[in-house]
């Protein structure tokens, strides 16, 4: 699983950080960071709720 943040689009609303059910996203130096990338359950909440579409999840082909 790869989660990419477009920091130019990010408005620092912290929705991704607050809504992640597994606490994968952390907040460091005023930007979101991935704390535990291998534990993401691909719920897409962070991507769906980002108001500026600054988050993109990439699902590896091996996952399918």
Protein backbone atom coordinates (compact mmCIF):
# COMPACT_ATOMS: atom_id res chain seq x y z
CA UNK A 1 0.00 0.00 0.00
CA UNK A 2 1.26 3.41 -0.91
CA UNK A 3 -0.32 6.62 0.31
CA UNK A 4 0.83 9.77 -1.43
CA UNK A 5 0.24 13.27 -0.13
CA UNK A 6 0.32 16.24 -2.48
CA UNK A 7 1.56 18.83 -0.02
CA UNK A 8 0.90 21.67 -2.46
CA UNK A 9 -2.82 20.82 -2.39
CA UNK A 10 -2.94 20.07 1.35
CA UNK A 11 -4.72 22.80 3.34
CA UNK A 12 -3.72 21.27 6.70
CA UNK A 13 -7.29 20.61 7.79
CA UNK A 14 -6.21 17.40 9.62
CA UNK A 15 -9.24 15.43 8.39
CA UNK A 16 -7.06 12.53 7.26
CA UNK A 17 -5.33 12.45 10.63
CA UNK A 18 -8.58 12.68 12.60
CA UNK A 19 -10.58 10.18 10.52
CA UNK A 20 -8.07 7.36 10.04
CA UNK A 21 -9.61 4.47 12.01
CA UNK A 22 -6.28 2.70 12.49
CA UNK A 23 -4.18 5.75 13.40
CA UNK A 24 -1.90 5.17 10.39
CA UNK A 25 -1.60 8.88 9.63
CA UNK A 26 0.31 11.07 12.04
CA UNK A 27 0.79 14.84 12.08
CA UNK A 28 4.41 16.04 12.04
CA UNK A 29 5.81 19.50 11.35
CA UNK A 30 2.35 20.74 10.36
CA UNK A 31 1.83 18.11 7.62
CA UNK A 32 0.39 14.58 7.50
CA UNK A 33 2.82 11.65 7.47
CA UNK A 34 2.35 7.90 7.29
CA UNK A 35 3.17 6.28 10.61
CA UNK A 36 2.47 2.59 9.83
CA UNK A 37 2.17 2.14 6.03
CA UNK A 38 1.97 -1.66 6.17
CA UNK A 39 -1.03 -1.61 8.49
CA UNK A 40 -3.34 0.37 6.19
CA UNK A 41 -6.55 -1.61 5.56
CA UNK A 42 -7.40 0.39 2.40
CA UNK A 43 -10.63 1.89 3.71
CA UNK A 44 -10.13 5.00 1.51
CA UNK A 45 -11.58 7.30 4.20
CA UNK A 46 -8.58 9.64 4.05
CA UNK A 47 -8.76 9.90 0.26
CA UNK A 48 -12.53 10.26 0.15
CA UNK A 49 -12.74 12.91 2.86
CA UNK A 50 -9.83 15.10 1.75
CA UNK A 51 -11.46 18.37 0.63
CA UNK A 52 -8.69 19.19 -1.86
CA UNK A 53 -8.05 15.64 -3.13
CA UNK A 54 -4.47 15.83 -1.89
CA UNK A 55 -4.34 12.12 -1.00
CA UNK A 56 -4.00 9.25 -3.44
CA UNK A 57 -3.87 5.60 -2.44
CA UNK A 58 -2.07 3.12 -4.67
CA UNK A 59 -3.05 -0.50 -4.34
CA UNK A 60 -0.40 -3.02 -5.37
CA UNK A 61 -1.43 -5.48 -8.06
CA UNK A 62 -0.48 -8.37 -5.76
CA UNK A 63 -3.30 -7.24 -3.45
CA UNK A 64 -5.95 -8.20 -6.01
